[in-house]
């Protein structure tokens, strides 16, 4: 699903926490200090704004304390974003490719990690890069996840301008929107700076941020649409 009901003045803020094998090597070498931008979390807490976090398995393994911290705050609900942030179809930005025989494990493994961390885990799942096709959907069907896309790309990935993030998000947000942002540290360096103005702008537009579950409450899950006609975005 790309959005919730268009009849309610609510939106879902969603944050992807990506980590790949290459990113992990950069951490180990000291080239990067952290891929966990907890300042974003503090901004949400300061404003008492709920959000849904899509965590990769590698991110949860690298940041167990941060994962538990998110799980302990009822403002947030936790979902998954694959184990290693490889794409589920070829030619997905610059992401690596998870072959079909590894796709189901890529989905199931982080769910199990999350289940052991919190009883409030969800089975919402977002494909890395938003990239998938019919083969991927068939292959992961046994995982019984709800595939969640987005209709508003904040543009925060690899963006050095908080102004652009604010403008792009507020220009596109409307009733029922699912807004994509990141907890990416150096891969999303301006998210925390943009977020207060995004929240103010949503409020001024009469749009209330809620968790994904709240946004979709009472709405039957829509079948996911294979990649083809998706919002343009950058690698995440």
Protein backbone atom coordinates (compact mmCIF):
# COMPACT_ATOMS: atom_id res chain seq x y z
CA UNK A 1 0.00 0.00 0.00
CA UNK A 2 1.17 3.50 -0.78
CA UNK A 3 -1.19 5.50 1.42
CA UNK A 4 -4.03 5.30 3.92
CA UNK A 5 -7.59 6.61 3.62
CA UNK A 6 -7.86 9.94 1.86
CA UNK A 7 -10.90 10.82 3.96
CA UNK A 8 -9.04 11.48 7.22
CA UNK A 9 -6.72 14.38 8.01
CA UNK A 10 -3.96 12.04 9.15
CA UNK A 11 -0.54 11.08 7.82
CA UNK A 12 2.04 8.47 8.84
CA UNK A 13 5.63 9.54 9.34
CA UNK A 14 7.85 6.55 8.57
CA UNK A 15 11.62 6.34 9.04
CA UNK A 16 13.88 3.76 7.39
CA UNK A 17 16.98 2.67 9.33
CA UNK A 18 19.25 1.23 6.66
CA UNK A 19 22.45 -0.73 7.09
CA UNK A 20 24.30 -2.72 4.45
CA UNK A 21 27.41 -4.88 4.65
CA UNK A 22 29.39 -2.05 3.02
CA UNK A 23 28.06 0.49 5.50
CA UNK A 24 29.03 -1.82 8.33
CA UNK A 25 32.60 -1.96 7.01
CA UNK A 26 32.72 1.84 7.02
CA UNK A 27 31.66 1.78 10.67
CA UNK A 28 34.31 -0.79 11.56
CA UNK A 29 37.03 1.23 9.83
CA UNK A 30 36.04 4.40 11.65
CA UNK A 31 35.21 6.16 8.39
CA UNK A 32 31.67 6.73 9.68
CA UNK A 33 30.78 7.37 13.31
CA UNK A 34 27.16 6.19 13.28
CA UNK A 35 24.22 5.36 11.05
CA UNK A 36 21.76 5.88 13.90
CA UNK A 37 20.56 9.47 13.99
CA UNK A 38 18.86 9.50 17.36
CA UNK A 39 18.44 13.27 17.16
CA UNK A 40 15.52 12.54 14.84
CA UNK A 41 14.00 10.40 17.58
CA UNK A 42 14.51 13.15 20.15
CA UNK A 43 12.76 15.67 17.88
CA UNK A 44 9.76 13.35 17.62
CA UNK A 45 9.73 12.83 21.36
CA UNK A 46 10.05 16.55 22.04
CA UNK A 47 7.01 17.20 19.86
CA UNK A 48 5.19 14.10 21.16
CA UNK A 49 4.69 12.91 17.58
CA UNK A 50 4.23 9.20 16.81
CA UNK A 51 6.06 7.47 13.98
CA UNK A 52 6.71 4.05 12.47
CA UNK A 53 10.32 2.86 12.17
CA UNK A 54 11.36 0.38 9.47
CA UNK A 55 14.55 -1.28 10.73
CA UNK A 56 16.94 -3.50 8.82
CA UNK A 57 18.24 -6.56 10.60
CA UNK A 58 21.84 -5.37 10.36
CA UNK A 59 20.85 -2.04 11.93
CA UNK A 60 19.20 -3.82 14.86
CA UNK A 61 22.29 -6.00 15.30
CA UNK A 62 24.61 -2.98 15.20
CA UNK A 63 22.41 -0.86 17.45
CA UNK A 64 20.70 -3.15 19.99
CA UNK A 65 20.45 -0.46 22.68
CA UNK A 66 18.87 1.99 20.24
CA UNK A 67 16.45 -0.69 19.06
CA UNK A 68 15.37 -1.41 22.63
CA UNK A 69 15.06 2.34 23.27
CA UNK A 70 12.68 2.73 20.33
CA UNK A 71 10.74 -0.35 21.37
CA UNK A 72 10.28 1.00 24.89
CA UNK A 73 8.63 4.24 23.72
CA UNK A 74 4.96 3.80 22.91
CA UNK A 75 5.13 6.77 20.55
CA UNK A 76 6.82 4.47 18.07
CA UNK A 77 5.92 1.24 16.37
CA UNK A 78 8.58 -0.93 14.78
CA UNK A 79 8.53 -2.64 11.41
CA UNK A 80 11.18 -4.25 9.19
CA UNK A 81 13.13 -3.29 6.09
CA UNK A 82 14.96 -6.55 5.17
CA UNK A 83 18.05 -8.06 6.79
CA UNK A 84 20.86 -6.58 4.68
CA UNK A 85 19.14 -3.86 2.61
CA UNK A 86 19.74 -5.60 -0.70
CA UNK A 87 17.21 -5.03 -3.44
CA UNK A 88 14.52 -7.54 -4.38
CA UNK A 89 14.83 -6.83 -8.07
CA UNK A 90 17.78 -5.91 -10.25
CA UNK A 91 18.73 -2.35 -11.19
CA UNK A 92 17.48 -0.74 -7.99
CA UNK A 93 19.62 2.39 -7.67
CA UNK A 94 23.06 1.22 -6.48
CA UNK A 95 21.80 -1.44 -4.09
CA UNK A 96 23.09 -5.00 -4.20
CA UNK A 97 20.72 -7.77 -5.21
CA UNK A 98 19.21 -10.50 -3.02
CA UNK A 99 18.70 -13.57 -5.22
CA UNK A 100 15.28 -15.26 -5.02
CA UNK A 101 16.57 -18.13 -2.89
CA UNK A 102 17.60 -15.62 -0.20
CA UNK A 103 14.60 -13.28 -0.32
CA UNK A 104 12.39 -15.07 2.20
CA UNK A 105 15.20 -15.21 4.76
CA UNK A 106 15.84 -11.50 4.16
CA UNK A 107 12.28 -10.84 5.30
CA UNK A 108 11.84 -13.42 8.05
CA UNK A 109 15.13 -12.93 9.91
CA UNK A 110 14.62 -9.29 11.00
CA UNK A 111 11.01 -10.03 11.97
CA UNK A 112 12.26 -12.73 14.33
CA UNK A 113 14.84 -10.32 15.76
CA UNK A 114 12.15 -7.73 16.35
CA UNK A 115 9.80 -10.29 17.88
CA UNK A 116 12.45 -11.17 20.46
CA UNK A 117 12.97 -7.48 21.23
CA UNK A 118 9.41 -6.31 21.78
CA UNK A 119 5.90 -7.77 21.99
CA UNK A 120 4.73 -4.69 20.08
CA UNK A 121 6.48 -5.69 16.85
CA UNK A 122 4.52 -5.47 13.60
CA UNK A 123 4.57 -7.40 10.35
CA UNK A 124 4.79 -4.30 8.20
CA UNK A 125 7.61 -4.64 5.69
CA UNK A 126 9.19 -2.17 3.29
CA UNK A 127 11.31 -3.30 0.37
CA UNK A 128 14.78 -1.72 0.16
CA UNK A 129 14.72 1.06 -2.39
CA UNK A 130 10.99 0.49 -2.80
CA UNK A 131 11.99 -2.00 -5.52
CA UNK A 132 10.22 -5.30 -6.12
CA UNK A 133 8.29 -7.28 -8.70
CA UNK A 134 5.85 -10.18 -8.91
CA UNK A 135 8.63 -12.72 -8.34
CA UNK A 136 9.62 -11.03 -5.10
CA UNK A 137 6.02 -10.84 -3.90
CA UNK A 138 5.44 -14.55 -4.58
CA UNK A 139 8.72 -15.51 -2.95
CA UNK A 140 8.11 -13.67 0.33
CA UNK A 141 4.40 -14.59 0.55
CA UNK A 142 5.04 -17.24 3.28
CA UNK A 143 6.29 -14.47 5.57
CA UNK A 144 2.74 -13.08 5.70
CA UNK A 145 3.86 -9.46 5.82
CA UNK A 146 1.98 -6.31 4.85
CA UNK A 147 4.07 -4.52 2.24
CA UNK A 148 4.19 -0.78 2.89
CA UNK A 149 5.29 1.73 0.27
CA UNK A 150 4.85 5.51 0.40
CA UNK A 151 3.34 8.35 -1.57
CA UNK A 152 5.53 11.16 -0.21
CA UNK A 153 9.32 11.00 -0.59
CA UNK A 154 10.87 13.58 1.70
CA UNK A 155 14.09 13.56 -0.30
CA UNK A 156 16.20 13.46 2.85
CA UNK A 157 18.47 10.66 1.63
CA UNK A 158 21.86 12.15 0.74
CA UNK A 159 20.35 15.63 0.82
CA UNK A 160 22.35 18.51 2.31
CA UNK A 161 19.47 20.99 2.32
CA UNK A 162 16.90 20.98 5.11
CA UNK A 163 14.92 23.55 3.11
CA UNK A 164 14.50 21.12 0.21
CA UNK A 165 13.34 18.35 2.53
CA UNK A 166 10.75 20.60 4.14
CA UNK A 167 9.49 21.94 0.82
CA UNK A 168 9.27 18.56 -0.89
CA UNK A 169 7.51 16.92 2.04
CA UNK A 170 4.94 19.62 2.64
CA UNK A 171 4.22 20.14 -1.08
CA UNK A 172 3.19 16.48 -1.43
CA UNK A 173 1.65 15.54 1.90
CA UNK A 174 -2.12 15.17 1.94
CA UNK A 175 -4.84 13.13 3.65
CA UNK A 176 -3.65 9.58 4.24
CA UNK A 177 -0.08 10.13 3.09
CA UNK A 178 2.70 7.75 4.09
CA UNK A 179 5.82 9.92 4.32
CA UNK A 180 9.27 8.40 3.81
CA UNK A 181 12.20 9.72 5.87
CA UNK A 182 15.37 8.16 7.31
CA UNK A 183 17.39 7.56 10.49
CA UNK A 184 20.48 7.44 8.31
CA UNK A 185 23.11 9.55 10.03
CA UNK A 186 25.53 10.67 7.28
CA UNK A 187 23.24 9.20 4.61
CA UNK A 188 20.46 11.58 5.66
CA UNK A 189 22.36 14.44 7.30
CA UNK A 190 19.62 17.06 7.39
CA UNK A 191 16.61 15.03 8.55
CA UNK A 192 16.75 16.16 12.19
CA UNK A 193 17.17 19.78 11.13
CA UNK A 194 14.22 19.61 8.74
CA UNK A 195 11.89 17.66 11.00
CA UNK A 196 10.65 20.49 13.30
CA UNK A 197 9.59 22.54 10.30
CA UNK A 198 7.98 19.51 8.68
CA UNK A 199 5.96 18.93 11.85
CA UNK A 200 4.98 22.59 12.05
CA UNK A 201 3.94 22.57 8.39
CA UNK A 202 1.84 19.45 8.75
CA UNK A 203 0.12 20.99 11.75
CA UNK A 204 -0.54 24.21 9.85
CA UNK A 205 -2.07 22.18 7.02
CA UNK A 206 -4.40 20.43 9.46
CA UNK A 207 -2.63 17.07 9.06
CA UNK A 208 -2.04 14.97 12.19
CA UNK A 209 0.87 12.48 12.26
CA UNK A 210 -0.14 9.04 13.52
CA UNK A 211 1.38 5.59 13.52
CA UNK A 212 0.92 3.46 10.44
CA UNK A 213 -1.42 1.17 12.35
CA UNK A 214 -3.59 4.10 13.31
CA UNK A 215 -3.58 5.41 9.73
CA UNK A 216 -4.66 2.06 8.33
CA UNK A 217 -7.06 1.18 11.15
CA UNK A 218 -10.27 -0.20 9.74
CA UNK A 219 -8.87 -0.25 6.22
CA UNK A 220 -8.43 -3.66 4.56
CA UNK A 221 -4.82 -4.12 3.40
CA UNK A 222 -4.42 -3.30 -0.27
CA UNK A 223 -2.42 -5.72 -2.44
CA UNK A 224 1.07 -4.36 -3.07
CA UNK A 225 1.76 -2.97 -6.52
CA UNK A 226 4.92 -4.30 -8.19
CA UNK A 227 7.52 -1.68 -8.95
CA UNK A 228 6.98 0.18 -12.18
CA UNK A 229 5.03 3.29 -11.37
CA UNK A 230 6.70 4.44 -8.15
CA UNK A 231 7.74 7.85 -6.86
CA UNK A 232 11.26 8.75 -7.92
CA UNK A 233 13.75 8.68 -5.08
CA UNK A 234 17.41 8.13 -4.29
CA UNK A 235 19.16 5.11 -2.85
CA UNK A 236 18.39 4.49 0.80
